[in-house]
N, C-alpha and C. Protein backbone atom coordinates (compact mmCIF):
# COMPACT_ATOMS: atom_id res chain seq x y z
N UNK A 1 120.62 132.27 205.16
CA UNK A 1 119.69 132.97 204.22
C UNK A 1 118.79 131.81 203.60
N UNK A 2 117.53 132.18 203.53
CA UNK A 2 116.60 131.20 202.93
C UNK A 2 116.51 131.36 201.50
N UNK A 3 115.97 130.37 200.91
CA UNK A 3 115.79 130.45 199.35
C UNK A 3 114.96 131.68 198.98
N UNK A 4 114.04 131.89 199.86
CA UNK A 4 113.06 133.00 199.57
C UNK A 4 113.80 134.33 199.60
N UNK A 5 114.67 134.55 200.55
CA UNK A 5 115.41 135.83 200.72
C UNK A 5 116.34 135.71 199.48
N UNK A 6 116.98 134.78 199.14
CA UNK A 6 117.99 134.89 198.02
C UNK A 6 117.14 135.22 196.67
N UNK A 7 115.99 134.66 196.58
CA UNK A 7 115.01 135.00 195.31
C UNK A 7 114.76 136.51 195.44
N UNK A 8 114.35 136.96 196.73
CA UNK A 8 114.09 138.41 196.87
C UNK A 8 115.20 139.19 196.37
N UNK A 9 116.36 138.94 196.83
CA UNK A 9 117.56 139.62 196.56
C UNK A 9 117.71 139.84 195.05
N UNK A 10 117.77 138.67 194.45
CA UNK A 10 118.05 138.60 192.98
C UNK A 10 116.92 139.30 192.16
N UNK A 11 115.67 139.38 192.68
CA UNK A 11 114.65 140.10 192.04
C UNK A 11 114.91 141.51 192.29
N UNK A 12 115.40 142.03 193.29
CA UNK A 12 115.77 143.36 193.63
C UNK A 12 116.93 143.80 192.84
N UNK A 13 117.77 142.98 192.72
CA UNK A 13 119.15 143.31 191.84
C UNK A 13 118.54 143.54 190.35
N UNK A 14 117.82 142.66 189.89
CA UNK A 14 117.28 142.72 188.46
C UNK A 14 116.57 144.09 188.25
N UNK A 15 115.56 144.43 189.27
CA UNK A 15 114.82 145.54 189.26
C UNK A 15 115.90 146.91 189.26
N UNK A 16 116.77 146.96 190.12
CA UNK A 16 117.78 148.16 190.11
C UNK A 16 118.52 148.14 188.85
N UNK A 17 119.02 147.04 188.17
CA UNK A 17 119.69 147.02 186.89
C UNK A 17 118.82 147.49 185.87
N UNK A 18 117.49 147.11 185.99
CA UNK A 18 116.56 147.57 184.80
C UNK A 18 116.29 149.21 184.95
N UNK A 19 116.16 149.48 186.13
CA UNK A 19 115.99 150.89 186.35
C UNK A 19 117.24 151.81 185.97
N UNK A 20 118.31 151.36 186.25
CA UNK A 20 119.58 152.13 185.95
C UNK A 20 119.75 152.12 184.33
N UNK A 21 119.38 150.92 183.75
CA UNK A 21 119.38 150.88 182.33
C UNK A 21 118.40 151.82 181.66
N UNK A 22 117.25 152.00 182.09
CA UNK A 22 116.35 152.89 181.60
C UNK A 22 116.77 154.27 181.73
N UNK A 23 117.35 154.63 183.10
CA UNK A 23 117.75 156.01 183.14
C UNK A 23 118.97 156.43 182.24
N UNK A 24 119.85 155.35 182.14
CA UNK A 24 121.00 155.66 181.16
C UNK A 24 120.55 155.89 179.86
N UNK A 25 119.67 155.16 179.28
CA UNK A 25 119.28 155.32 177.85
C UNK A 25 118.56 156.73 177.70
N UNK A 26 117.64 156.99 178.61
CA UNK A 26 116.94 158.16 178.66
C UNK A 26 117.73 159.29 178.63
N UNK A 27 118.78 159.38 179.58
CA UNK A 27 119.62 160.49 179.88
C UNK A 27 120.49 160.70 178.65
N UNK A 28 121.02 159.72 177.78
CA UNK A 28 121.97 159.88 176.79
C UNK A 28 121.30 160.03 175.45
N UNK A 29 120.00 159.59 175.10
CA UNK A 29 119.47 159.43 173.80
C UNK A 29 119.49 160.72 172.98
N UNK A 30 119.30 161.82 173.61
CA UNK A 30 119.01 163.18 172.73
C UNK A 30 120.65 163.66 172.40
N UNK A 31 121.60 163.01 172.81
CA UNK A 31 122.97 163.51 172.65
C UNK A 31 123.69 163.26 171.22
N UNK A 32 122.98 162.26 170.61
CA UNK A 32 123.68 161.69 169.36
C UNK A 32 122.81 162.08 168.19
N UNK A 33 123.42 162.88 167.26
CA UNK A 33 122.92 163.53 166.09
C UNK A 33 123.28 162.70 165.01
N UNK A 34 122.58 162.66 163.86
CA UNK A 34 121.14 163.14 163.82
C UNK A 34 120.30 162.17 164.61
N UNK A 35 119.16 162.67 165.39
CA UNK A 35 118.25 162.02 166.03
C UNK A 35 117.50 161.21 165.17
N UNK A 36 116.83 160.18 165.58
CA UNK A 36 115.88 159.34 164.86
C UNK A 36 116.63 158.69 163.71
N UNK A 37 117.96 158.13 163.91
CA UNK A 37 118.66 157.49 162.86
C UNK A 37 119.35 156.37 163.46
N UNK A 38 119.66 155.41 162.81
CA UNK A 38 120.50 154.20 163.05
C UNK A 38 121.79 154.60 163.46
N UNK A 39 122.51 155.90 162.87
CA UNK A 39 123.63 156.50 163.18
C UNK A 39 123.60 156.72 164.76
N UNK A 40 122.64 157.39 165.10
CA UNK A 40 122.52 158.06 166.44
C UNK A 40 122.49 156.57 167.55
N UNK A 41 121.81 155.63 166.95
CA UNK A 41 121.80 154.51 168.04
C UNK A 41 123.21 153.73 168.07
N UNK A 42 123.90 153.74 166.88
CA UNK A 42 125.26 153.18 166.82
C UNK A 42 126.23 154.01 167.73
N UNK A 43 126.00 155.24 167.65
CA UNK A 43 127.08 156.12 168.45
C UNK A 43 126.70 155.95 169.91
N UNK A 44 125.40 155.70 170.24
CA UNK A 44 125.11 155.47 171.66
C UNK A 44 125.81 154.16 172.13
N UNK A 45 125.55 153.03 171.19
CA UNK A 45 126.40 151.76 171.76
C UNK A 45 127.76 151.93 171.89
N UNK A 46 128.37 152.76 171.02
CA UNK A 46 129.89 152.78 171.05
C UNK A 46 130.30 153.52 172.30
N UNK A 47 129.49 154.55 172.72
CA UNK A 47 129.74 155.33 173.95
C UNK A 47 129.60 154.26 175.08
N UNK A 48 128.63 153.45 175.16
CA UNK A 48 128.53 152.51 176.12
C UNK A 48 129.65 151.60 176.20
N UNK A 49 130.02 151.11 175.02
CA UNK A 49 131.09 150.06 174.98
C UNK A 49 132.40 150.80 175.46
N UNK A 50 132.71 151.93 175.15
CA UNK A 50 133.79 152.71 175.60
C UNK A 50 133.90 153.04 177.12
N UNK A 51 132.66 153.36 177.71
CA UNK A 51 132.45 153.50 179.11
C UNK A 51 132.74 152.17 179.89
N UNK A 52 132.51 151.01 179.12
CA UNK A 52 132.73 149.76 179.94
C UNK A 52 134.19 149.26 179.61
N UNK A 53 135.17 150.30 179.31
CA UNK A 53 136.57 150.14 178.99
C UNK A 53 136.92 149.09 178.04
N UNK A 54 136.03 149.08 176.87
CA UNK A 54 136.40 148.43 175.60
C UNK A 54 137.07 149.43 174.71
N UNK A 55 137.75 148.90 173.88
CA UNK A 55 138.25 149.70 172.81
C UNK A 55 137.21 150.06 171.69
N UNK A 56 137.46 151.00 170.76
CA UNK A 56 136.48 151.30 169.77
C UNK A 56 136.59 150.39 168.52
N UNK A 57 137.53 149.31 168.63
CA UNK A 57 137.88 148.32 167.43
C UNK A 57 136.70 147.58 167.39
N UNK A 58 136.54 147.13 166.10
CA UNK A 58 135.25 146.18 165.80
C UNK A 58 135.17 144.97 166.52
N UNK A 59 136.21 144.24 166.92
CA UNK A 59 136.11 143.15 167.71
C UNK A 59 135.59 143.41 169.07
N UNK A 60 135.97 144.46 169.77
CA UNK A 60 135.46 144.90 171.02
C UNK A 60 133.96 145.22 170.98
N UNK A 61 133.64 145.94 169.89
CA UNK A 61 132.27 146.41 169.78
C UNK A 61 131.44 145.10 169.62
N UNK A 62 131.79 144.10 168.82
CA UNK A 62 131.09 142.93 168.48
C UNK A 62 130.87 142.18 169.89
N UNK A 63 132.00 142.18 170.63
CA UNK A 63 131.89 141.49 172.00
C UNK A 63 130.88 142.19 172.86
N UNK A 64 130.86 143.43 172.85
CA UNK A 64 129.97 144.21 173.70
C UNK A 64 128.55 143.92 173.25
N UNK A 65 128.17 144.01 171.80
CA UNK A 65 126.93 143.68 171.50
C UNK A 65 126.48 142.18 171.84
N UNK A 66 127.41 141.24 171.72
CA UNK A 66 127.07 139.97 172.05
C UNK A 66 126.83 139.85 173.58
N UNK A 67 127.58 140.54 174.26
CA UNK A 67 127.42 140.45 175.83
C UNK A 67 125.96 141.01 176.34
N UNK A 68 125.52 142.03 175.72
CA UNK A 68 124.25 142.73 175.99
C UNK A 68 123.15 141.53 175.79
N UNK A 69 123.46 140.89 174.56
CA UNK A 69 122.28 139.98 174.14
C UNK A 69 121.17 140.51 173.59
N UNK A 70 120.25 139.76 172.88
CA UNK A 70 119.06 140.26 172.19
C UNK A 70 118.04 140.97 173.11
N UNK A 71 117.62 140.38 174.33
CA UNK A 71 116.70 140.86 175.13
C UNK A 71 116.99 142.39 175.67
N UNK A 72 118.30 142.54 176.22
CA UNK A 72 118.62 143.82 176.75
C UNK A 72 118.91 144.83 175.45
N UNK A 73 119.25 144.41 174.45
CA UNK A 73 119.56 145.16 173.24
C UNK A 73 118.23 145.77 172.65
N UNK A 74 117.17 144.91 172.56
CA UNK A 74 115.85 145.22 172.15
C UNK A 74 115.18 146.18 173.20
N UNK A 75 115.32 145.92 174.42
CA UNK A 75 114.69 146.93 175.43
C UNK A 75 115.25 148.28 175.33
N UNK A 76 116.84 148.37 175.23
CA UNK A 76 117.56 149.60 174.99
C UNK A 76 116.95 150.32 173.63
N UNK A 77 116.94 149.71 172.72
CA UNK A 77 116.57 150.28 171.41
C UNK A 77 115.19 150.91 171.47
N UNK A 78 114.22 150.05 172.08
CA UNK A 78 113.07 150.55 172.25
C UNK A 78 112.95 151.87 172.98
N UNK A 79 113.59 151.87 174.15
CA UNK A 79 113.69 153.09 174.94
C UNK A 79 114.34 154.23 174.18
N UNK A 80 115.27 153.83 173.41
CA UNK A 80 116.06 154.81 172.76
C UNK A 80 115.18 155.68 171.57
N UNK A 81 114.24 154.87 170.94
CA UNK A 81 113.50 155.33 169.92
C UNK A 81 112.04 155.65 170.31
N UNK A 82 111.76 155.76 171.54
CA UNK A 82 110.37 155.96 172.01
C UNK A 82 110.42 157.17 172.83
N UNK A 83 109.20 158.01 172.69
CA UNK A 83 109.09 159.12 173.54
C UNK A 83 107.57 159.03 174.07
N UNK A 84 107.34 159.37 175.40
CA UNK A 84 106.27 159.45 175.99
C UNK A 84 105.95 161.02 176.29
N UNK A 85 105.06 161.53 175.64
CA UNK A 85 104.64 163.07 175.69
C UNK A 85 103.52 163.33 176.38
N UNK A 86 103.58 163.41 177.69
CA UNK A 86 102.46 163.62 178.61
C UNK A 86 101.66 164.76 178.26
N UNK A 87 102.28 165.92 177.86
CA UNK A 87 101.53 167.19 177.46
C UNK A 87 100.61 166.95 176.08
N UNK A 88 100.95 165.89 175.44
CA UNK A 88 99.98 165.69 174.33
C UNK A 88 99.24 164.43 174.40
N UNK A 89 99.42 163.64 175.58
CA UNK A 89 98.83 162.42 175.86
C UNK A 89 99.21 161.29 174.72
N UNK A 90 100.53 161.40 174.28
CA UNK A 90 101.01 160.51 173.13
C UNK A 90 102.15 159.69 173.46
N UNK A 91 102.14 158.59 172.77
CA UNK A 91 103.48 157.82 172.80
C UNK A 91 103.90 157.68 171.48
N UNK A 92 105.15 157.96 171.20
CA UNK A 92 105.68 157.88 169.75
C UNK A 92 106.78 156.96 169.65
N UNK A 93 106.74 156.03 168.84
CA UNK A 93 107.65 154.92 168.71
C UNK A 93 108.29 155.09 167.27
N UNK A 94 109.49 155.68 167.24
CA UNK A 94 110.02 155.94 165.89
C UNK A 94 111.47 155.44 165.57
N UNK A 95 111.37 154.03 165.43
CA UNK A 95 112.59 153.34 165.18
C UNK A 95 112.84 153.23 163.54
N UNK A 96 114.02 153.77 163.14
CA UNK A 96 114.13 154.05 161.77
C UNK A 96 114.32 152.47 161.12
N UNK A 97 114.47 151.51 161.93
CA UNK A 97 114.48 150.22 161.34
C UNK A 97 113.18 149.66 160.89
N UNK A 98 112.09 150.27 161.46
CA UNK A 98 110.72 150.01 161.11
C UNK A 98 110.23 150.81 159.98
N UNK A 99 109.16 150.38 159.34
CA UNK A 99 108.61 151.05 158.08
C UNK A 99 108.02 152.30 158.47
N UNK A 100 107.43 152.34 159.51
CA UNK A 100 106.49 153.60 159.99
C UNK A 100 106.81 153.87 161.37
N UNK A 101 106.55 155.27 161.66
CA UNK A 101 106.52 155.74 163.00
C UNK A 101 105.02 155.33 163.44
N UNK A 102 105.01 154.98 164.84
CA UNK A 102 103.78 154.67 165.36
C UNK A 102 103.47 155.73 166.52
N UNK A 103 102.17 156.07 166.60
CA UNK A 103 101.70 157.08 167.43
C UNK A 103 100.39 156.57 168.10
N UNK A 104 100.52 156.59 169.52
CA UNK A 104 99.25 156.13 170.33
C UNK A 104 99.03 156.95 171.45
N UNK A 105 97.78 157.01 171.93
CA UNK A 105 97.56 157.75 173.07
C UNK A 105 98.25 156.95 174.28
N UNK A 106 98.72 157.72 175.43
CA UNK A 106 99.17 157.23 176.52
C UNK A 106 98.04 156.57 177.31
N UNK A 107 96.97 157.26 177.36
CA UNK A 107 95.77 156.61 178.28
C UNK A 107 94.88 155.82 177.22
N UNK A 108 94.57 154.72 177.62
CA UNK A 108 93.72 153.83 176.88
C UNK A 108 92.27 154.44 176.61
N UNK A 109 91.84 154.36 175.50
CA UNK A 109 90.51 154.74 175.14
C UNK A 109 90.49 156.29 174.77
N UNK A 110 91.53 156.83 174.77
CA UNK A 110 91.68 158.38 174.30
C UNK A 110 91.71 158.42 172.80
N UNK A 111 91.17 159.43 172.31
CA UNK A 111 91.09 159.50 170.85
C UNK A 111 92.40 160.08 170.39
N UNK A 112 92.75 159.85 168.95
CA UNK A 112 93.90 160.33 168.40
C UNK A 112 93.46 161.57 167.64
N UNK A 113 94.23 162.72 167.98
CA UNK A 113 93.97 164.02 167.34
C UNK A 113 95.02 164.34 166.41
N UNK A 114 94.92 164.55 165.16
CA UNK A 114 95.85 164.79 164.14
C UNK A 114 96.69 166.13 164.58
N UNK A 115 96.02 167.16 165.01
CA UNK A 115 96.63 168.27 165.47
C UNK A 115 97.68 167.97 166.47
N UNK A 116 97.18 167.28 167.49
CA UNK A 116 98.01 167.04 168.71
C UNK A 116 99.33 166.22 168.15
N UNK A 117 99.06 165.27 167.18
CA UNK A 117 100.13 164.41 166.70
C UNK A 117 101.14 165.34 166.07
N UNK A 118 100.65 166.24 165.00
CA UNK A 118 101.69 167.14 164.55
C UNK A 118 102.34 168.00 165.42
N UNK A 119 101.87 168.54 166.42
CA UNK A 119 102.46 169.18 167.45
C UNK A 119 103.53 168.41 168.26
N UNK A 120 103.24 167.08 168.58
CA UNK A 120 104.04 166.18 169.29
C UNK A 120 105.35 165.95 168.38
N UNK A 121 104.91 165.54 167.09
CA UNK A 121 105.99 165.15 166.25
C UNK A 121 107.02 166.37 166.01
N UNK A 122 106.69 167.43 165.90
CA UNK A 122 107.30 168.68 165.60
C UNK A 122 108.22 168.92 166.97
N UNK A 123 107.67 168.74 168.22
CA UNK A 123 108.21 168.99 169.37
C UNK A 123 109.49 168.08 169.60
N UNK A 124 109.37 166.78 168.97
CA UNK A 124 110.44 166.00 169.30
C UNK A 124 111.46 165.94 167.99
N UNK A 125 111.33 166.76 167.09
CA UNK A 125 112.11 167.04 165.99
C UNK A 125 112.01 166.04 164.90
N UNK A 126 110.90 165.42 164.79
CA UNK A 126 110.80 164.23 163.85
C UNK A 126 110.10 164.65 162.46
N UNK A 127 109.57 165.90 162.57
CA UNK A 127 108.78 166.38 161.40
C UNK A 127 109.52 166.20 159.99
N UNK A 128 110.82 166.53 159.96
CA UNK A 128 111.50 166.50 158.62
C UNK A 128 111.75 165.11 158.10
N UNK A 129 111.63 163.88 158.98
CA UNK A 129 111.75 162.62 158.50
C UNK A 129 110.53 161.72 158.28
N UNK A 130 109.55 162.50 158.34
CA UNK A 130 108.20 161.58 158.09
C UNK A 130 107.51 162.28 157.07
N UNK A 131 106.64 161.57 156.50
CA UNK A 131 105.78 162.07 155.42
C UNK A 131 104.73 162.85 156.01
N UNK A 132 104.81 164.13 155.58
CA UNK A 132 103.76 165.12 156.35
C UNK A 132 102.27 165.15 155.76
N UNK A 133 102.20 164.69 154.58
CA UNK A 133 100.72 164.56 154.03
C UNK A 133 99.96 163.48 154.80
N UNK A 134 99.04 163.96 155.48
CA UNK A 134 98.13 163.31 156.49
C UNK A 134 97.30 162.13 155.65
N UNK A 135 97.13 162.22 154.32
CA UNK A 135 96.40 161.25 153.47
C UNK A 135 97.27 159.96 153.42
N UNK A 136 98.51 160.08 153.74
CA UNK A 136 99.37 158.88 153.79
C UNK A 136 99.35 158.30 155.07
N UNK A 137 98.91 158.80 156.09
CA UNK A 137 98.92 158.27 157.37
C UNK A 137 97.83 157.29 157.54
N UNK A 138 97.92 156.30 158.39
CA UNK A 138 96.94 155.26 158.58
C UNK A 138 96.50 155.04 159.93
N UNK A 139 95.21 155.12 160.12
CA UNK A 139 94.84 154.84 161.41
C UNK A 139 94.28 153.44 161.72
N UNK A 140 94.59 152.93 162.82
CA UNK A 140 94.30 151.52 163.15
C UNK A 140 93.68 151.47 164.50
N UNK A 141 92.38 151.88 164.55
CA UNK A 141 91.67 151.97 165.94
C UNK A 141 92.22 153.20 166.75
N UNK A 142 93.21 152.95 167.72
CA UNK A 142 93.73 153.91 168.45
C UNK A 142 95.25 154.18 168.20
N UNK A 143 95.67 153.66 166.96
CA UNK A 143 97.20 153.78 166.68
C UNK A 143 97.10 154.42 165.26
N UNK A 144 98.01 155.44 165.04
CA UNK A 144 98.42 156.00 163.99
C UNK A 144 99.75 155.57 163.40
N UNK A 145 99.84 155.28 162.18
CA UNK A 145 101.15 154.86 161.55
C UNK A 145 101.53 155.88 160.39
N UNK A 146 102.70 156.40 160.54
CA UNK A 146 103.13 157.50 159.66
C UNK A 146 104.34 157.04 158.95
N UNK A 147 104.35 156.98 157.56
CA UNK A 147 105.52 156.46 156.80
C UNK A 147 106.70 157.45 157.05
N UNK A 148 108.02 156.81 157.04
CA UNK A 148 109.13 157.52 157.15
C UNK A 148 109.50 158.19 155.64
N UNK A 149 109.93 159.22 155.67
CA UNK A 149 110.64 159.85 154.28
C UNK A 149 111.78 158.83 154.25
N UNK A 150 112.10 158.47 152.95
CA UNK A 150 113.31 157.70 152.74
C UNK A 150 114.02 158.57 151.74
N UNK A 151 115.42 158.51 151.94
CA UNK A 151 116.20 159.22 150.93
C UNK A 151 116.21 158.49 149.58
N UNK A 152 115.98 159.37 148.56
CA UNK A 152 116.06 158.74 147.26
C UNK A 152 117.54 158.83 146.62
N UNK A 153 118.13 157.62 146.37
CA UNK A 153 119.42 157.59 145.83
C UNK A 153 119.34 157.81 144.39
N UNK A 154 120.36 158.42 143.95
CA UNK A 154 120.46 158.67 142.45
C UNK A 154 121.73 158.32 142.15
N UNK A 155 121.95 157.92 140.90
CA UNK A 155 123.10 157.70 140.36
C UNK A 155 123.80 158.77 139.55
N UNK A 156 125.12 158.91 139.73
CA UNK A 156 125.81 160.16 138.85
C UNK A 156 126.28 159.72 137.59
N UNK A 157 126.08 158.49 137.20
CA UNK A 157 126.58 157.81 135.95
C UNK A 157 125.61 158.19 134.93
């Protein structure tokens, strides 16, 4: 086998792994409630660790996270908190670790329509977690940023 054949095989293995990873994340991401939270992300990672025959113990989970590495983890997290909504021509990126939800058109050069954004956000169940007053939204050329609602912590003392 030539070096070129080995490189092609390695490249194909990487592509198959990446495709499987994408399908895995997309097929499971709606199963962990509450959606659009860090808790749902953590539950997803725990499920993956358990499916890899690791225990649910802290040490095993830390080993799992370390084994994934930052590149794979970042790719999985992006997929977990992103939705591509063809019917609205919108891509929504709603990672709770970020300050804002980002909404952009799927097709370059398309206009952002507030009404379509509201429909899309409602469609994916994100409405209760964002600031709904459009005056708080910011448009940056073809990108809309929408602030998250953050729970107000009160003291009982």
